[in-house]
Amino acid sequence: MVFYIIKRLLYIALILVAMSVLIFSITQALPGNVAHVIAGQFATPDVIAAIERKLGLQDPLPLQYWRWVSGILVGNLGESLIMERPIAPILGEAIGRSAVLAAFSIVLVTVFGIGLGLLAAIRHNRPLDHGISVFTYVGISVPEFFWGIVLILLFVGYFQWLPAGGYGDLGKGLGVWLSHLILPTATLTFTLIAHVSRLTRSSMLETLASQYVKNARAKGLPERIVLVRHALRNALLPTITVLAVDVGWLFGGIVVVETVFSFPGLGRLLVFAIERRDLPLIQSSILIVSGIYCFANLIADLLYAYFNPKIRYGRAHS
């Protein structure tokens, strides 16, 4: 296992190097110029050129890439061209807020997604199973921004129970802090629960039809023991992968949700950087998201080994 982890970490390092080249190349191809954003639409060409020289935008592309990557290697993500602040603390604040949102969402998705999938499998072809299936079809089919708008209209416009967006400072009280998390968390959770519950249901049905589950029931074991120890433990293996991928998606794919609710997380920061052509901030944000995806998949593989001891990494067993 140690050898496998070391090998995967090396792979992750190579992937991030390749991603850094890809990210840098794509951002250089983006239309527009941050110098125009800084100087304004009425700036003269001389002013634009002076800003480009100051920011190093006229340097050769290999030099710009090396300057960015060499800084990352020593823990320096550079400086935001628009905000004129170091990128590391800016990203730290945004990631911290998105991490809170992701943590609440993934806990709810794990509990309710696996629970609904288990209930649907146990009540296969019964009204409860059909009801959960309809719920999951709707959750998968409808995009996140629609649920966000519906929740705003319902809980903000009609009931007036919750704020429409923003981020509540914990210093103002726990209630204020939580009230700003409820709607974006619910929007994210609704869609992801549908994915997890459908996968858990199909995997659970396949496991319940397996021979070792039939043998466990033939031995007279209580149904709860059969479901939890024999069926659910093995049925959760594909669900673990989906949950790990969802963790990466929650950091990189919540741009829409954070925009709808004006939530100042990583997704909204990335939109801000793209709108203003803040290349160092764009590059560092996307690279961080790539790293989160890589480590989320590594954690998923390690959890595979925990839930199924027969899995061995790094060498084959006959």
C-alpha atoms as a PDB file:
ATOM      1  CA  MET A   1       0.000   0.000   0.000  1.00  0.00           C
ATOM      2  CA  VAL A   2       2.834   2.413   0.817  1.00  0.00           C
ATOM      3  CA  PHE A   3       4.416   1.704  -2.570  1.00  0.00           C
ATOM      4  CA  TYR A   4       1.071   2.305  -4.260  1.00  0.00           C
ATOM      5  CA  ILE A   5       0.572   5.642  -2.489  1.00  0.00           C
ATOM      6  CA  ILE A   6       4.071   6.815  -3.446  1.00  0.00           C
ATOM      7  CA  LYS A   7       3.475   5.796  -7.067  1.00  0.00           C
ATOM      8  CA  ARG A   8       0.125   7.613  -7.167  1.00  0.00           C
ATOM      9  CA  LEU A   9       1.668  10.747  -5.682  1.00  0.00           C
ATOM     10  CA  LEU A  10       4.281  10.698  -8.439  1.00  0.00           C
ATOM     11  CA  TYR A  11       1.509  10.328 -11.022  1.00  0.00           C
ATOM     12  CA  ILE A  12      -0.327  13.256  -9.456  1.00  0.00           C
ATOM     13  CA  ALA A  13       2.822  15.373  -9.689  1.00  0.00           C
ATOM     14  CA  LEU A  14       3.183  14.524 -13.398  1.00  0.00           C
ATOM     15  CA  ILE A  15      -0.493  15.246 -14.020  1.00  0.00           C
ATOM     16  CA  LEU A  16      -0.229  18.635 -12.336  1.00  0.00           C
ATOM     17  CA  VAL A  17       2.849  19.498 -14.421  1.00  0.00           C
ATOM     18  CA  ALA A  18       0.946  18.610 -17.592  1.00  0.00           C
ATOM     19  CA  MET A  19      -2.077  20.556 -16.346  1.00  0.00           C
ATOM     20  CA  SER A  20       0.070  23.602 -15.639  1.00  0.00           C
ATOM     21  CA  VAL A  21       1.273  23.624 -19.255  1.00  0.00           C
ATOM     22  CA  LEU A  22      -2.289  23.162 -20.537  1.00  0.00           C
ATOM     23  CA  ILE A  23      -3.725  25.835 -18.239  1.00  0.00           C
ATOM     24  CA  PHE A  24      -1.016  28.333 -19.167  1.00  0.00           C
ATOM     25  CA  SER A  25      -1.509  27.691 -22.887  1.00  0.00           C
ATOM     26  CA  ILE A  26      -5.288  28.078 -22.730  1.00  0.00           C
ATOM     27  CA  THR A  27      -5.198  31.245 -20.641  1.00  0.00           C
ATOM     28  CA  GLN A  28      -2.750  32.829 -23.063  1.00  0.00           C
ATOM     29  CA  ALA A  29      -5.258  32.184 -25.865  1.00  0.00           C
ATOM     30  CA  LEU A  30      -8.088  33.984 -24.041  1.00  0.00           C
ATOM     31  CA  PRO A  31      -9.288  37.125 -25.819  1.00  0.00           C
ATOM     32  CA  GLY A  32      -8.736  40.490 -24.207  1.00  0.00           C
ATOM     33  CA  ASN A  33      -5.931  41.915 -22.142  1.00  0.00           C
ATOM     34  CA  VAL A  34      -5.754  42.705 -18.452  1.00  0.00           C
ATOM     35  CA  ALA A  35      -3.872  45.908 -19.300  1.00  0.00           C
ATOM     36  CA  HIS A  36      -7.008  47.241 -21.017  1.00  0.00           C
ATOM     37  CA  VAL A  37      -9.061  46.385 -17.923  1.00  0.00           C
ATOM     38  CA  ILE A  38      -6.627  48.223 -15.641  1.00  0.00           C
ATOM     39  CA  ALA A  39      -6.133  51.274 -17.872  1.00  0.00           C
ATOM     40  CA  GLY A  40      -9.731  51.655 -19.023  1.00  0.00           C
ATOM     41  CA  GLN A  41     -11.323  51.874 -22.442  1.00  0.00           C
ATOM     42  CA  PHE A  42      -9.961  55.356 -23.218  1.00  0.00           C
ATOM     43  CA  ALA A  43      -6.306  54.558 -22.501  1.00  0.00           C
ATOM     44  CA  THR A  44      -3.749  55.281 -25.201  1.00  0.00           C
ATOM     45  CA  PRO A  45      -1.595  52.531 -26.748  1.00  0.00           C
ATOM     46  CA  ASP A  46       1.454  53.926 -24.923  1.00  0.00           C
ATOM     47  CA  VAL A  47      -0.291  53.554 -21.567  1.00  0.00           C
ATOM     48  CA  ILE A  48      -1.360  50.003 -22.431  1.00  0.00           C
ATOM     49  CA  ALA A  49       2.199  49.108 -23.465  1.00  0.00           C
ATOM     50  CA  ALA A  50       3.618  50.593 -20.259  1.00  0.00           C
ATOM     51  CA  ILE A  51       1.261  48.508 -18.127  1.00  0.00           C
ATOM     52  CA  GLU A  52       2.108  45.362 -20.112  1.00  0.00           C
ATOM     53  CA  ARG A  53       5.844  45.953 -19.539  1.00  0.00           C
ATOM     54  CA  LYS A  54       5.260  46.539 -15.827  1.00  0.00           C
ATOM     55  CA  LEU A  55       3.271  43.301 -15.503  1.00  0.00           C
ATOM     56  CA  GLY A  56       5.717  41.297 -17.619  1.00  0.00           C
ATOM     57  CA  LEU A  57       3.085  40.531 -20.256  1.00  0.00           C
ATOM     58  CA  GLN A  58       5.506  41.368 -23.070  1.00  0.00           C
ATOM     59  CA  ASP A  59       8.057  38.804 -21.932  1.00  0.00           C
ATOM     60  CA  PRO A  60       8.423  35.582 -23.967  1.00  0.00           C
ATOM     61  CA  LEU A  61       5.799  32.984 -23.072  1.00  0.00           C
ATOM     62  CA  PRO A  62       8.340  30.380 -21.858  1.00  0.00           C
ATOM     63  CA  LEU A  63       9.734  32.985 -19.460  1.00  0.00           C
ATOM     64  CA  GLN A  64       6.240  33.849 -18.187  1.00  0.00           C
ATOM     65  CA  TYR A  65       5.471  30.153 -17.669  1.00  0.00           C
ATOM     66  CA  TRP A  66       8.711  29.502 -15.819  1.00  0.00           C
ATOM     67  CA  ARG A  67       8.188  32.544 -13.616  1.00  0.00           C
ATOM     68  CA  TRP A  68       4.734  31.246 -12.646  1.00  0.00           C
ATOM     69  CA  VAL A  69       5.746  27.591 -12.092  1.00  0.00           C
ATOM     70  CA  SER A  70       8.974  28.375 -10.250  1.00  0.00           C
ATOM     71  CA  GLY A  71       6.993  30.543  -7.862  1.00  0.00           C
ATOM     72  CA  ILE A  72       4.517  27.733  -7.208  1.00  0.00           C
ATOM     73  CA  LEU A  73       7.394  25.345  -6.405  1.00  0.00           C
ATOM     74  CA  VAL A  74       8.438  27.589  -3.523  1.00  0.00           C
ATOM     75  CA  GLY A  75       4.877  28.258  -2.371  1.00  0.00           C
ATOM     76  CA  ASN A  76       4.441  31.601  -4.134  1.00  0.00           C
ATOM     77  CA  LEU A  77       1.326  31.664  -6.318  1.00  0.00           C
ATOM     78  CA  GLY A  78       2.080  35.151  -7.559  1.00  0.00           C
ATOM     79  CA  GLU A  79       0.079  38.351  -7.305  1.00  0.00           C
ATOM     80  CA  SER A  80      -3.365  39.206  -8.620  1.00  0.00           C
ATOM     81  CA  LEU A  81      -3.031  41.724 -11.430  1.00  0.00           C
ATOM     82  CA  ILE A  82      -6.384  43.343 -10.665  1.00  0.00           C
ATOM     83  CA  MET A  83      -6.445  43.315  -6.857  1.00  0.00           C
ATOM     84  CA  GLU A  84      -2.671  43.796  -6.526  1.00  0.00           C
ATOM     85  CA  ARG A  85      -2.583  41.342  -3.643  1.00  0.00           C
ATOM     86  CA  PRO A  86      -0.800  38.008  -3.191  1.00  0.00           C
ATOM     87  CA  ILE A  87      -2.912  35.206  -4.662  1.00  0.00           C
ATOM     88  CA  ALA A  88      -2.310  32.699  -1.855  1.00  0.00           C
ATOM     89  CA  PRO A  89      -4.407  34.474   0.829  1.00  0.00           C
ATOM     90  CA  ILE A  90      -7.113  35.323  -1.731  1.00  0.00           C
ATOM     91  CA  LEU A  91      -7.389  31.667  -2.727  1.00  0.00           C
ATOM     92  CA  GLY A  92      -7.175  30.587   0.906  1.00  0.00           C
ATOM     93  CA  GLU A  93     -10.243  32.635   1.825  1.00  0.00           C
ATOM     94  CA  ALA A  94     -12.224  31.458  -1.201  1.00  0.00           C
ATOM     95  CA  ILE A  95     -11.275  27.792  -0.754  1.00  0.00           C
ATOM     96  CA  GLY A  96     -12.161  27.963   2.932  1.00  0.00           C
ATOM     97  CA  ARG A  97     -15.662  29.211   2.142  1.00  0.00           C
ATOM     98  CA  SER A  98     -16.170  26.683  -0.648  1.00  0.00           C
ATOM     99  CA  ALA A  99     -14.844  23.937   1.645  1.00  0.00           C
ATOM    100  CA  VAL A 100     -17.537  24.747   4.213  1.00  0.00           C
ATOM    101  CA  LEU A 101     -20.186  24.591   1.504  1.00  0.00           C
ATOM    102  CA  ALA A 102     -18.725  21.363   0.123  1.00  0.00           C
ATOM    103  CA  ALA A 103     -18.464  19.751   3.575  1.00  0.00           C
ATOM    104  CA  PHE A 104     -22.111  20.403   4.422  1.00  0.00           C
ATOM    105  CA  SER A 105     -23.183  19.214   0.978  1.00  0.00           C
ATOM    106  CA  ILE A 106     -21.137  16.012   0.938  1.00  0.00           C
ATOM    107  CA  VAL A 107     -22.351  14.999   4.420  1.00  0.00           C
ATOM    108  CA  LEU A 108     -25.984  15.471   3.390  1.00  0.00           C
ATOM    109  CA  VAL A 109     -25.395  13.730   0.057  1.00  0.00           C
ATOM    110  CA  THR A 110     -23.730  10.762   1.761  1.00  0.00           C
ATOM    111  CA  VAL A 111     -26.458  10.331   4.371  1.00  0.00           C
ATOM    112  CA  PHE A 112     -29.512  10.923   2.208  1.00  0.00           C
ATOM    113  CA  GLY A 113     -28.112   9.575  -1.070  1.00  0.00           C
ATOM    114  CA  ILE A 114     -27.048   6.239   0.377  1.00  0.00           C
ATOM    115  CA  GLY A 115     -30.159   6.088   2.574  1.00  0.00           C
ATOM    116  CA  LEU A 116     -32.566   6.666  -0.309  1.00  0.00           C
ATOM    117  CA  GLY A 117     -30.695   4.243  -2.550  1.00  0.00           C
ATOM    118  CA  LEU A 118     -30.824   1.586   0.174  1.00  0.00           C
ATOM    119  CA  LEU A 119     -34.549   2.107   0.761  1.00  0.00           C
ATOM    120  CA  ALA A 120     -35.265   1.952  -2.980  1.00  0.00           C
ATOM    121  CA  ALA A 121     -33.341  -1.325  -3.303  1.00  0.00           C
ATOM    122  CA  ILE A 122     -35.063  -2.882  -0.290  1.00  0.00           C
ATOM    123  CA  ARG A 123     -38.494  -1.808  -1.608  1.00  0.00           C
ATOM    124  CA  HIS A 124     -37.707  -2.746  -5.202  1.00  0.00           C
ATOM    125  CA  ASN A 125     -40.674  -2.320  -7.586  1.00  0.00           C
ATOM    126  CA  ARG A 126     -42.853  -0.962  -4.784  1.00  0.00           C
ATOM    127  CA  PRO A 127     -44.370   2.535  -4.467  1.00  0.00           C
ATOM    128  CA  LEU A 128     -41.445   3.811  -2.374  1.00  0.00           C
ATOM    129  CA  ASP A 129     -38.963   2.645  -4.995  1.00  0.00           C
ATOM    130  CA  HIS A 130     -40.952   4.311  -7.780  1.00  0.00           C
ATOM    131  CA  GLY A 131     -41.229   7.550  -5.792  1.00  0.00           C
ATOM    132  CA  ILE A 132     -37.489   7.687  -5.143  1.00  0.00           C
ATOM    133  CA  SER A 133     -36.827   6.920  -8.821  1.00  0.00           C
ATOM    134  CA  VAL A 134     -39.012   9.841  -9.908  1.00  0.00           C
ATOM    135  CA  PHE A 135     -37.167  12.097  -7.459  1.00  0.00           C
ATOM    136  CA  THR A 136     -33.770  11.040  -8.801  1.00  0.00           C
ATOM    137  CA  TYR A 137     -34.844  11.468 -12.444  1.00  0.00           C
ATOM    138  CA  VAL A 138     -36.007  15.005 -11.697  1.00  0.00           C
ATOM    139  CA  GLY A 139     -32.842  15.775  -9.735  1.00  0.00           C
ATOM    140  CA  ILE A 140     -30.583  14.608 -12.554  1.00  0.00           C
ATOM    141  CA  SER A 141     -32.571  16.227 -15.361  1.00  0.00           C
ATOM    142  CA  VAL A 142     -32.990  19.749 -13.963  1.00  0.00           C
ATOM    143  CA  PRO A 143     -29.865  21.994 -13.760  1.00  0.00           C
ATOM    144  CA  GLU A 144     -28.645  23.444 -10.490  1.00  0.00           C
ATOM    145  CA  PHE A 145     -29.411  27.074 -11.294  1.00  0.00           C
ATOM    146  CA  PHE A 146     -33.109  26.229 -11.684  1.00  0.00           C
ATOM    147  CA  TRP A 147     -33.308  24.804  -8.154  1.00  0.00           C
ATOM    148  CA  GLY A 148     -31.395  27.812  -6.883  1.00  0.00           C
ATOM    149  CA  ILE A 149     -33.901  30.213  -8.430  1.00  0.00           C
ATOM    150  CA  VAL A 150     -36.834  28.152  -7.114  1.00  0.00           C
ATOM    151  CA  LEU A 151     -35.410  28.168  -3.585  1.00  0.00           C
ATOM    152  CA  ILE A 152     -34.824  31.919  -3.722  1.00  0.00           C
ATOM    153  CA  LEU A 153     -38.378  32.574  -4.902  1.00  0.00           C
ATOM    154  CA  LEU A 154     -39.802  30.268  -2.249  1.00  0.00           C
ATOM    155  CA  PHE A 155     -37.730  30.908   0.883  1.00  0.00           C
ATOM    156  CA  VAL A 156     -36.637  34.477   0.176  1.00  0.00           C
ATOM    157  CA  GLY A 157     -39.425  35.993  -1.887  1.00  0.00           C
ATOM    158  CA  TYR A 158     -42.473  34.184  -0.471  1.00  0.00           C
ATOM    159  CA  PHE A 159     -41.662  33.085   3.088  1.00  0.00           C
ATOM    160  CA  GLN A 160     -38.830  35.609   3.639  1.00  0.00           C
ATOM    161  CA  TRP A 161     -37.062  33.203   5.950  1.00  0.00           C
ATOM    162  CA  LEU A 162     -33.536  33.255   4.528  1.00  0.00           C
ATOM    163  CA  PRO A 163     -31.122  35.718   2.864  1.00  0.00           C
ATOM    164  CA  ALA A 164     -30.932  35.621  -0.926  1.00  0.00           C
ATOM    165  CA  GLY A 165     -27.165  35.285  -1.027  1.00  0.00           C
ATOM    166  CA  GLY A 166     -23.801  36.374   0.237  1.00  0.00           C
ATOM    167  CA  TYR A 167     -21.706  34.922   3.029  1.00  0.00           C
ATOM    168  CA  GLY A 168     -22.461  35.407   6.709  1.00  0.00           C
ATOM    169  CA  ASP A 169     -19.542  36.200   8.968  1.00  0.00           C
ATOM    170  CA  LEU A 170     -19.309  33.725  11.844  1.00  0.00           C
ATOM    171  CA  GLY A 171     -18.462  36.640  14.090  1.00  0.00           C
ATOM    172  CA  LYS A 172     -22.025  37.937  13.662  1.00  0.00           C
ATOM    173  CA  GLY A 173     -23.435  34.745  15.145  1.00  0.00           C
ATOM    174  CA  LEU A 174     -23.875  31.099  14.267  1.00  0.00           C
ATOM    175  CA  GLY A 175     -27.445  31.674  13.061  1.00  0.00           C
ATOM    176  CA  VAL A 176     -26.380  34.332  10.553  1.00  0.00           C
ATOM    177  CA  TRP A 177     -23.552  32.139   9.308  1.00  0.00           C
ATOM    178  CA  LEU A 178     -25.785  29.093   8.825  1.00  0.00           C
ATOM    179  CA  SER A 179     -28.618  31.074   7.231  1.00  0.00           C
ATOM    180  CA  HIS A 180     -26.345  32.024   4.314  1.00  0.00           C
ATOM    181  CA  LEU A 181     -25.319  28.391   3.768  1.00  0.00           C
ATOM    182  CA  ILE A 182     -28.745  26.735   3.724  1.00  0.00           C
ATOM    183  CA  LEU A 183     -29.924  27.643   0.217  1.00  0.00           C
ATOM    184  CA  PRO A 184     -26.662  27.030  -1.716  1.00  0.00           C
ATOM    185  CA  THR A 185     -26.119  23.791   0.214  1.00  0.00           C
ATOM    186  CA  ALA A 186     -29.653  22.627  -0.558  1.00  0.00           C
ATOM    187  CA  THR A 187     -29.192  23.449  -4.246  1.00  0.00           C
ATOM    188  CA  LEU A 188     -25.974  21.436  -4.490  1.00  0.00           C
ATOM    189  CA  THR A 189     -27.306  18.585  -2.374  1.00  0.00           C
ATOM    190  CA  PHE A 190     -30.466  18.040  -4.365  1.00  0.00           C
ATOM    191  CA  THR A 191     -28.645  17.266  -7.597  1.00  0.00           C
ATOM    192  CA  LEU A 192     -25.876  15.150  -6.055  1.00  0.00           C
ATOM    193  CA  ILE A 193     -28.315  13.096  -3.938  1.00  0.00           C
ATOM    194  CA  ALA A 194     -29.981  12.006  -7.168  1.00  0.00           C
ATOM    195  CA  HIS A 195     -26.677  10.691  -8.583  1.00  0.00           C
ATOM    196  CA  VAL A 196     -25.624   8.891  -5.407  1.00  0.00           C
ATOM    197  CA  SER A 197     -29.021   7.338  -4.660  1.00  0.00           C
ATOM    198  CA  ARG A 198     -29.428   5.959  -8.188  1.00  0.00           C
ATOM    199  CA  LEU A 199     -25.967   4.403  -8.147  1.00  0.00           C
ATOM    200  CA  THR A 200     -26.467   2.989  -4.642  1.00  0.00           C
ATOM    201  CA  ARG A 201     -29.808   1.504  -5.645  1.00  0.00           C
ATOM    202  CA  SER A 202     -28.468  -0.252  -8.753  1.00  0.00           C
ATOM    203  CA  SER A 203     -25.363  -1.481  -6.949  1.00  0.00           C
ATOM    204  CA  MET A 204     -27.404  -2.681  -3.981  1.00  0.00           C
ATOM    205  CA  LEU A 205     -29.834  -4.587  -6.220  1.00  0.00           C
ATOM    206  CA  GLU A 206     -26.923  -6.321  -7.924  1.00  0.00           C
ATOM    207  CA  THR A 207     -25.366  -7.212  -4.581  1.00  0.00           C
ATOM    208  CA  LEU A 208     -28.639  -8.509  -3.101  1.00  0.00           C
ATOM    209  CA  ALA A 209     -28.932 -10.900  -6.046  1.00  0.00           C
ATOM    210  CA  SER A 210     -25.418 -12.297  -5.472  1.00  0.00           C
ATOM    211  CA  GLN A 211     -24.796 -15.801  -4.191  1.00  0.00           C
ATOM    212  CA  TYR A 212     -23.051 -14.848  -0.947  1.00  0.00           C
ATOM    213  CA  VAL A 213     -26.062 -12.761   0.127  1.00  0.00           C
ATOM    214  CA  LYS A 214     -28.337 -15.700  -0.612  1.00  0.00           C
ATOM    215  CA  ASN A 215     -26.044 -17.941   1.438  1.00  0.00           C
ATOM    216  CA  ALA A 216     -26.117 -15.464   4.339  1.00  0.00           C
ATOM    217  CA  ARG A 217     -29.908 -15.488   4.313  1.00  0.00           C
ATOM    218  CA  ALA A 218     -29.979 -19.282   4.050  1.00  0.00           C
ATOM    219  CA  LYS A 219     -27.899 -19.461   7.241  1.00  0.00           C
ATOM    220  CA  GLY A 220     -30.685 -17.643   9.044  1.00  0.00           C
ATOM    221  CA  LEU A 221     -28.828 -14.394   9.688  1.00  0.00           C
ATOM    222  CA  PRO A 222     -31.061 -11.422  10.614  1.00  0.00           C
ATOM    223  CA  GLU A 223     -32.011  -9.271   7.629  1.00  0.00           C
ATOM    224  CA  ARG A 224     -30.336  -6.214   9.178  1.00  0.00           C
ATOM    225  CA  ILE A 225     -27.021  -8.096   9.415  1.00  0.00           C
ATOM    226  CA  VAL A 226     -27.366  -9.312   5.842  1.00  0.00           C
ATOM    227  CA  LEU A 227     -28.084  -5.822   4.522  1.00  0.00           C
ATOM    228  CA  VAL A 228     -25.452  -3.903   6.477  1.00  0.00           C
ATOM    229  CA  ARG A 229     -22.519  -6.316   6.806  1.00  0.00           C
ATOM    230  CA  HIS A 230     -22.828  -8.383   3.658  1.00  0.00           C
ATOM    231  CA  ALA A 231     -24.670  -6.317   1.059  1.00  0.00           C
ATOM    232  CA  LEU A 232     -24.186  -2.633   1.794  1.00  0.00           C
ATOM    233  CA  ARG A 233     -20.441  -2.864   2.468  1.00  0.00           C
ATOM    234  CA  ASN A 234     -19.799  -4.266  -1.015  1.00  0.00           C
ATOM    235  CA  ALA A 235     -22.470  -2.193  -2.733  1.00  0.00           C
ATOM    236  CA  LEU A 236     -20.818   1.005  -1.469  1.00  0.00           C
ATOM    237  CA  LEU A 237     -17.633   0.498  -3.500  1.00  0.00           C
ATOM    238  CA  PRO A 238     -18.845   2.266  -6.682  1.00  0.00           C
ATOM    239  CA  THR A 239     -20.625   4.874  -4.551  1.00  0.00           C
ATOM    240  CA  ILE A 240     -17.313   5.785  -2.905  1.00  0.00           C
ATOM    241  CA  THR A 241     -15.871   6.693  -6.288  1.00  0.00           C
ATOM    242  CA  VAL A 242     -18.856   8.886  -7.125  1.00  0.00           C
ATOM    243  CA  LEU A 243     -18.614  10.664  -3.759  1.00  0.00           C
ATOM    244  CA  ALA A 244     -14.906  11.310  -4.268  1.00  0.00           C
ATOM    245  CA  VAL A 245     -15.538  12.720  -7.734  1.00  0.00           C
ATOM    246  CA  ASP A 246     -18.355  14.819  -6.276  1.00  0.00           C
ATOM    247  CA  VAL A 247     -15.892  16.343  -3.797  1.00  0.00           C
ATOM    248  CA  GLY A 248     -13.736  17.509  -6.692  1.00  0.00           C
ATOM    249  CA  TRP A 249     -16.813  18.726  -8.563  1.00  0.00           C
ATOM    250  CA  LEU A 250     -18.033  20.660  -5.533  1.00  0.00           C
ATOM    251  CA  PHE A 251     -14.832  22.713  -5.619  1.00  0.00           C
ATOM    252  CA  GLY A 252     -14.580  23.109  -9.374  1.00  0.00           C
ATOM    253  CA  GLY A 253     -18.159  22.893 -10.568  1.00  0.00           C
ATOM    254  CA  ILE A 254     -20.049  25.146  -8.176  1.00  0.00           C
ATOM    255  CA  VAL A 255     -19.493  28.242 -10.291  1.00  0.00           C
ATOM    256  CA  VAL A 256     -23.184  28.437 -11.193  1.00  0.00           C
ATOM    257  CA  VAL A 257     -24.427  27.949  -7.629  1.00  0.00           C
ATOM    258  CA  GLU A 258     -21.985  30.457  -6.165  1.00  0.00           C
ATOM    259  CA  THR A 259     -22.937  32.956  -8.865  1.00  0.00           C
ATOM    260  CA  VAL A 260     -26.680  32.527  -8.273  1.00  0.00           C
ATOM    261  CA  PHE A 261     -26.282  33.055  -4.524  1.00  0.00           C
ATOM    262  CA  SER A 262     -23.406  35.597  -4.730  1.00  0.00           C
ATOM    263  CA  PHE A 263     -21.398  33.223  -2.563  1.00  0.00           C
ATOM    264  CA  PRO A 264     -17.749  34.389  -2.390  1.00  0.00           C
ATOM    265  CA  GLY A 265     -16.119  30.997  -2.883  1.00  0.00           C
ATOM    266  CA  LEU A 266     -13.625  29.530  -5.313  1.00  0.00           C
ATOM    267  CA  GLY A 267     -16.106  29.283  -8.185  1.00  0.00           C
ATOM    268  CA  ARG A 268     -17.164  32.923  -8.003  1.00  0.00           C
ATOM    269  CA  LEU A 269     -13.532  34.000  -7.627  1.00  0.00           C
ATOM    270  CA  LEU A 270     -12.712  32.151 -10.844  1.00  0.00           C
ATOM    271  CA  VAL A 271     -15.542  33.932 -12.675  1.00  0.00           C
ATOM    272  CA  PHE A 272     -14.247  37.261 -11.335  1.00  0.00           C
ATOM    273  CA  ALA A 273     -10.741  36.477 -12.596  1.00  0.00           C
ATOM    274  CA  ILE A 274     -11.947  35.385 -16.048  1.00  0.00           C
ATOM    275  CA  GLU A 275     -14.110  38.482 -16.508  1.00  0.00           C
ATOM    276  CA  ARG A 276     -11.118  40.727 -15.765  1.00  0.00           C
ATOM    277  CA  ARG A 277      -8.459  38.616 -17.528  1.00  0.00           C
ATOM    278  CA  ASP A 278      -6.471  38.220 -14.301  1.00  0.00           C
ATOM    279  CA  LEU A 279      -4.270  35.465 -15.726  1.00  0.00           C
ATOM    280  CA  PRO A 280      -2.217  34.546 -12.615  1.00  0.00           C
ATOM    281  CA  LEU A 281      -5.407  34.234 -10.561  1.00  0.00           C
ATOM    282  CA  ILE A 282      -7.111  32.145 -13.264  1.00  0.00           C
ATOM    283  CA  GLN A 283      -4.115  29.841 -13.615  1.00  0.00           C
ATOM    284  CA  SER A 284      -3.636  29.272  -9.895  1.00  0.00           C
ATOM    285  CA  SER A 285      -7.365  28.715  -9.275  1.00  0.00           C
ATOM    286  CA  ILE A 286      -7.699  26.080 -11.989  1.00  0.00           C
ATOM    287  CA  LEU A 287      -4.486  24.349 -10.907  1.00  0.00           C
ATOM    288  CA  ILE A 288      -5.786  24.142  -7.329  1.00  0.00           C
ATOM    289  CA  VAL A 289      -9.042  22.610  -8.583  1.00  0.00           C
ATOM    290  CA  SER A 290      -7.044  20.065 -10.620  1.00  0.00           C
ATOM    291  CA  GLY A 291      -5.068  19.115  -7.522  1.00  0.00           C
ATOM    292  CA  ILE A 292      -8.267  18.649  -5.511  1.00  0.00           C
ATOM    293  CA  TYR A 293      -9.623  16.316  -8.190  1.00  0.00           C
ATOM    294  CA  CYS A 294      -6.430  14.250  -8.185  1.00  0.00           C
ATOM    295  CA  PHE A 295      -6.303  13.859  -4.404  1.00  0.00           C
ATOM    296  CA  ALA A 296     -10.040  13.129  -4.227  1.00  0.00           C
ATOM    297  CA  ASN A 297      -9.541  10.186  -6.581  1.00  0.00           C
ATOM    298  CA  LEU A 298      -6.570   8.975  -4.542  1.00  0.00           C
ATOM    299  CA  ILE A 299      -8.696   9.034  -1.388  1.00  0.00           C
ATOM    300  CA  ALA A 300     -11.397   7.093  -3.230  1.00  0.00           C
ATOM    301  CA  ASP A 301      -8.912   4.339  -4.116  1.00  0.00           C
ATOM    302  CA  LEU A 302      -7.684   4.144  -0.524  1.00  0.00           C
ATOM    303  CA  LEU A 303     -11.257   3.863   0.729  1.00  0.00           C
ATOM    304  CA  TYR A 304     -11.762   1.040  -1.762  1.00  0.00           C
ATOM    305  CA  ALA A 305      -8.984  -0.857  -0.020  1.00  0.00           C
ATOM    306  CA  TYR A 306     -10.493  -0.114   3.392  1.00  0.00           C
ATOM    307  CA  PHE A 307     -13.960  -1.360   2.516  1.00  0.00           C
ATOM    308  CA  ASN A 308     -12.718  -4.334   0.495  1.00  0.00           C
ATOM    309  CA  PRO A 309      -9.546  -5.864   1.996  1.00  0.00           C
ATOM    310  CA  LYS A 310      -9.290  -8.286  -0.940  1.00  0.00           C
ATOM    311  CA  ILE A 311      -8.197  -5.402  -3.136  1.00  0.00           C
ATOM    312  CA  ARG A 312      -4.417  -5.128  -3.302  1.00  0.00           C
ATOM    313  CA  TYR A 313      -2.514  -2.340  -5.016  1.00  0.00           C
ATOM    314  CA  GLY A 314       0.924  -2.340  -6.470  1.00  0.00           C
ATOM    315  CA  ARG A 315       1.226  -6.067  -7.188  1.00  0.00           C
ATOM    316  CA  ALA A 316      -0.919  -8.930  -8.428  1.00  0.00           C
ATOM    317  CA  HIS A 317      -1.963 -11.974  -6.468  1.00  0.00           C
ATOM    318  CA  SER A 318      -2.836 -15.252  -8.095  1.00  0.00           C
END
